[in-house]
Amino acid sequence: MKETVTIPKKEYARLKKCEETEKDLLVSLVKGLEDIQHGRIKPWKGATG
């Protein structure tokens, strides 16, 4: 049996927006890691001290 929860429409919209943002950040992170793995980025001077 599935459980259901009733929430206000405004709260639902906020949660959906957060979910989309999380997905976008995850996709961006994966693409960045792939770029690093394939040597498509150069280290910047500030990162190495």
PDB file of N, CA and C in Angstrom:
ATOM      1  N   MET A   1       0.826  -1.177   0.000  1.00  0.00           N
ATOM      2  CA  MET A   1       0.000   0.000   0.000  1.00  0.00           C
ATOM      3  C   MET A   1       0.877   1.249   0.000  1.00  0.00           C
ATOM      4  N   LYS A   2       0.583   2.178  -0.889  1.00  0.00           N
ATOM      5  CA  LYS A   2       1.336   3.423  -0.958  1.00  0.00           C
ATOM      6  C   LYS A   2       0.814   4.410   0.067  1.00  0.00           C
ATOM      7  N   GLU A   3       1.741   5.147   0.632  1.00  0.00           N
ATOM      8  CA  GLU A   3       1.356   6.211   1.547  1.00  0.00           C
ATOM      9  C   GLU A   3       1.368   7.526   0.785  1.00  0.00           C
ATOM     10  N   THR A   4       0.465   8.398   1.096  1.00  0.00           N
ATOM     11  CA  THR A   4       0.437   9.708   0.463  1.00  0.00           C
ATOM     12  C   THR A   4       0.500  10.791   1.527  1.00  0.00           C
ATOM     13  N   VAL A   5       1.021  11.929   1.103  1.00  0.00           N
ATOM     14  CA  VAL A   5       1.130  13.080   1.983  1.00  0.00           C
ATOM     15  C   VAL A   5       0.567  14.280   1.241  1.00  0.00           C
ATOM     16  N   THR A   6      -0.174  15.090   1.918  1.00  0.00           N
ATOM     17  CA  THR A   6      -0.720  16.298   1.318  1.00  0.00           C
ATOM     18  C   THR A   6       0.101  17.497   1.779  1.00  0.00           C
ATOM     19  N   ILE A   7       0.612  18.249   0.799  1.00  0.00           N
ATOM     20  CA  ILE A   7       1.372  19.459   1.114  1.00  0.00           C
ATOM     21  C   ILE A   7       0.814  20.611   0.285  1.00  0.00           C
ATOM     22  N   PRO A   8       1.048  21.830   0.731  1.00  0.00           N
ATOM     23  CA  PRO A   8       0.579  22.975  -0.046  1.00  0.00           C
ATOM     24  C   PRO A   8       1.270  23.044  -1.414  1.00  0.00           C
ATOM     25  N   LYS A   9       0.565  23.579  -2.393  1.00  0.00           N
ATOM     26  CA  LYS A   9       1.091  23.677  -3.751  1.00  0.00           C
ATOM     27  C   LYS A   9       2.391  24.483  -3.793  1.00  0.00           C
ATOM     28  N   LYS A  10       2.475  25.523  -2.975  1.00  0.00           N
ATOM     29  CA  LYS A  10       3.679  26.357  -2.924  1.00  0.00           C
ATOM     30  C   LYS A  10       4.884  25.535  -2.457  1.00  0.00           C
ATOM     31  N   GLU A  11       4.685  24.708  -1.459  1.00  0.00           N
ATOM     32  CA  GLU A  11       5.760  23.848  -0.950  1.00  0.00           C
ATOM     33  C   GLU A  11       6.172  22.820  -1.999  1.00  0.00           C
ATOM     34  N   TYR A  12       5.206  22.262  -2.716  1.00  0.00           N
ATOM     35  CA  TYR A  12       5.496  21.307  -3.784  1.00  0.00           C
ATOM     36  C   TYR A  12       6.354  21.966  -4.863  1.00  0.00           C
ATOM     37  N   ALA A  13       5.992  23.180  -5.252  1.00  0.00           N
ATOM     38  CA  ALA A  13       6.754  23.900  -6.278  1.00  0.00           C
ATOM     39  C   ALA A  13       8.183  24.156  -5.803  1.00  0.00           C
ATOM     40  N   ARG A  14       8.341  24.503  -4.532  1.00  0.00           N
ATOM     41  CA  ARG A  14       9.680  24.745  -3.984  1.00  0.00           C
ATOM     42  C   ARG A  14      10.520  23.470  -4.007  1.00  0.00           C
ATOM     43  N   LEU A  15       9.916  22.362  -3.628  1.00  0.00           N
ATOM     44  CA  LEU A  15      10.631  21.084  -3.627  1.00  0.00           C
ATOM     45  C   LEU A  15      11.021  20.653  -5.038  1.00  0.00           C
ATOM     46  N   LYS A  16      10.128  20.860  -6.012  1.00  0.00           N
ATOM     47  CA  LYS A  16      10.438  20.510  -7.404  1.00  0.00           C
ATOM     48  C   LYS A  16      11.597  21.354  -7.922  1.00  0.00           C
ATOM     49  N   LYS A  17      11.615  22.633  -7.556  1.00  0.00           N
ATOM     50  CA  LYS A  17      12.696  23.515  -7.988  1.00  0.00           C
ATOM     51  C   LYS A  17      14.025  23.052  -7.394  1.00  0.00           C
ATOM     52  N   CYS A  18      14.006  22.666  -6.133  1.00  0.00           N
ATOM     53  CA  CYS A  18      15.221  22.151  -5.492  1.00  0.00           C
ATOM     54  C   CYS A  18      15.705  20.879  -6.185  1.00  0.00           C
ATOM     55  N   GLU A  19      14.785  20.016  -6.543  1.00  0.00           N
ATOM     56  CA  GLU A  19      15.133  18.770  -7.226  1.00  0.00           C
ATOM     57  C   GLU A  19      15.793  19.063  -8.573  1.00  0.00           C
ATOM     58  N   GLU A  20      15.241  20.007  -9.326  1.00  0.00           N
ATOM     59  CA  GLU A  20      15.810  20.365 -10.623  1.00  0.00           C
ATOM     60  C   GLU A  20      17.203  20.955 -10.452  1.00  0.00           C
ATOM     61  N   THR A  21      17.375  21.799  -9.440  1.00  0.00           N
ATOM     62  CA  THR A  21      18.679  22.404  -9.179  1.00  0.00           C
ATOM     63  C   THR A  21      19.702  21.330  -8.825  1.00  0.00           C
ATOM     64  N   GLU A  22      19.311  20.373  -8.008  1.00  0.00           N
ATOM     65  CA  GLU A  22      20.214  19.284  -7.636  1.00  0.00           C
ATOM     66  C   GLU A  22      20.621  18.471  -8.857  1.00  0.00           C
ATOM     67  N   LYS A  23      19.667  18.195  -9.752  1.00  0.00           N
ATOM     68  CA  LYS A  23      19.983  17.447 -10.969  1.00  0.00           C
ATOM     69  C   LYS A  23      20.954  18.227 -11.840  1.00  0.00           C
ATOM     70  N   ASP A  24      20.724  19.538 -11.980  1.00  0.00           N
ATOM     71  CA  ASP A  24      21.613  20.374 -12.784  1.00  0.00           C
ATOM     72  C   ASP A  24      23.023  20.390 -12.208  1.00  0.00           C
ATOM     73  N   LEU A  25      23.128  20.498 -10.888  1.00  0.00           N
ATOM     74  CA  LEU A  25      24.442  20.498 -10.249  1.00  0.00           C
ATOM     75  C   LEU A  25      25.148  19.160 -10.429  1.00  0.00           C
ATOM     76  N   LEU A  26      24.406  18.077 -10.332  1.00  0.00           N
ATOM     77  CA  LEU A  26      24.991  16.751 -10.506  1.00  0.00           C
ATOM     78  C   LEU A  26      25.504  16.563 -11.933  1.00  0.00           C
ATOM     79  N   VAL A  27      24.724  16.990 -12.920  1.00  0.00           N
ATOM     80  CA  VAL A  27      25.148  16.890 -14.321  1.00  0.00           C
ATOM     81  C   VAL A  27      26.408  17.719 -14.537  1.00  0.00           C
ATOM     82  N   SER A  28      26.441  18.919 -13.983  1.00  0.00           N
ATOM     83  CA  SER A  28      27.606  19.784 -14.111  1.00  0.00           C
ATOM     84  C   SER A  28      28.839  19.154 -13.467  1.00  0.00           C
ATOM     85  N   LEU A  29      28.665  18.553 -12.309  1.00  0.00           N
ATOM     86  CA  LEU A  29      29.767  17.897 -11.619  1.00  0.00           C
ATOM     87  C   LEU A  29      30.310  16.730 -12.436  1.00  0.00           C
ATOM     88  N   VAL A  30      29.428  15.911 -12.974  1.00  0.00           N
ATOM     89  CA  VAL A  30      29.850  14.761 -13.781  1.00  0.00           C
ATOM     90  C   VAL A  30      30.605  15.236 -15.018  1.00  0.00           C
ATOM     91  N   LYS A  31      30.101  16.259 -15.690  1.00  0.00           N
ATOM     92  CA  LYS A  31      30.789  16.789 -16.872  1.00  0.00           C
ATOM     93  C   LYS A  31      32.165  17.323 -16.505  1.00  0.00           C
ATOM     94  N   GLY A  32      32.253  18.006 -15.363  1.00  0.00           N
ATOM     95  CA  GLY A  32      33.539  18.519 -14.913  1.00  0.00           C
ATOM     96  C   GLY A  32      34.528  17.405 -14.617  1.00  0.00           C
ATOM     97  N   LEU A  33      34.059  16.350 -13.980  1.00  0.00           N
ATOM     98  CA  LEU A  33      34.936  15.213 -13.695  1.00  0.00           C
ATOM     99  C   LEU A  33      35.394  14.528 -14.976  1.00  0.00           C
ATOM    100  N   GLU A  34      34.507  14.437 -15.953  1.00  0.00           N
ATOM    101  CA  GLU A  34      34.891  13.857 -17.245  1.00  0.00           C
ATOM    102  C   GLU A  34      35.936  14.729 -17.928  1.00  0.00           C
ATOM    103  N   ASP A  35      35.790  16.049 -17.841  1.00  0.00           N
ATOM    104  CA  ASP A  35      36.780  16.957 -18.420  1.00  0.00           C
ATOM    105  C   ASP A  35      38.141  16.759 -17.766  1.00  0.00           C
ATOM    106  N   ILE A  36      38.155  16.622 -16.447  1.00  0.00           N
ATOM    107  CA  ILE A  36      39.413  16.383 -15.732  1.00  0.00           C
ATOM    108  C   ILE A  36      40.016  15.053 -16.166  1.00  0.00           C
ATOM    109  N   GLN A  37      39.191  14.027 -16.242  1.00  0.00           N
ATOM    110  CA  GLN A  37      39.656  12.690 -16.606  1.00  0.00           C
ATOM    111  C   GLN A  37      40.275  12.678 -17.999  1.00  0.00           C
ATOM    112  N   HIS A  38      39.722  13.465 -18.918  1.00  0.00           N
ATOM    113  CA  HIS A  38      40.205  13.484 -20.296  1.00  0.00           C
ATOM    114  C   HIS A  38      41.234  14.593 -20.542  1.00  0.00           C
ATOM    115  N   GLY A  39      41.659  15.275 -19.484  1.00  0.00           N
ATOM    116  CA  GLY A  39      42.691  16.299 -19.605  1.00  0.00           C
ATOM    117  C   GLY A  39      42.241  17.550 -20.339  1.00  0.00           C
ATOM    118  N   ARG A  40      40.965  17.865 -20.286  1.00  0.00           N
ATOM    119  CA  ARG A  40      40.453  19.021 -21.025  1.00  0.00           C
ATOM    120  C   ARG A  40      40.457  20.307 -20.209  1.00  0.00           C
ATOM    121  N   ILE A  41      41.012  20.276 -19.006  1.00  0.00           N
ATOM    122  CA  ILE A  41      41.122  21.508 -18.228  1.00  0.00           C
ATOM    123  C   ILE A  41      42.569  21.695 -17.809  1.00  0.00           C
ATOM    124  N   LYS A  42      42.923  22.954 -17.605  1.00  0.00           N
ATOM    125  CA  LYS A  42      44.275  23.274 -17.178  1.00  0.00           C
ATOM    126  C   LYS A  42      44.224  23.731 -15.723  1.00  0.00           C
ATOM    127  N   PRO A  43      45.198  23.323 -14.912  1.00  0.00           N
ATOM    128  CA  PRO A  43      45.214  23.811 -13.527  1.00  0.00           C
ATOM    129  C   PRO A  43      45.492  25.314 -13.505  1.00  0.00           C
ATOM    130  N   TRP A  44      44.905  26.030 -12.550  1.00  0.00           N
ATOM    131  CA  TRP A  44      45.169  27.451 -12.442  1.00  0.00           C
ATOM    132  C   TRP A  44      46.139  27.685 -11.302  1.00  0.00           C
ATOM    133  N   LYS A  45      46.849  28.793 -11.384  1.00  0.00           N
ATOM    134  CA  LYS A  45      47.937  29.068 -10.442  1.00  0.00           C
ATOM    135  C   LYS A  45      47.462  29.117  -8.995  1.00  0.00           C
ATOM    136  N   GLY A  46      46.285  29.653  -8.734  1.00  0.00           N
ATOM    137  CA  GLY A  46      45.778  29.784  -7.374  1.00  0.00           C
ATOM    138  C   GLY A  46      45.495  28.454  -6.699  1.00  0.00           C
ATOM    139  N   ALA A  47      45.273  27.415  -7.467  1.00  0.00           N
ATOM    140  CA  ALA A  47      44.915  26.118  -6.898  1.00  0.00           C
ATOM    141  C   ALA A  47      46.127  25.360  -6.364  1.00  0.00           C
ATOM    142  N   THR A  48      47.305  25.677  -6.863  1.00  0.00           N
ATOM    143  CA  THR A  48      48.495  24.929  -6.458  1.00  0.00           C
ATOM    144  C   THR A  48      49.301  25.644  -5.383  1.00  0.00           C
ATOM    145  N   GLY A  49      48.868  26.813  -4.981  1.00  0.00           N
ATOM    146  CA  GLY A  49      49.511  27.509  -3.876  1.00  0.00           C
ATOM    147  C   GLY A  49      50.572  28.419  -4.311  1.00  0.00           C
TER     148      GLY A  49
END
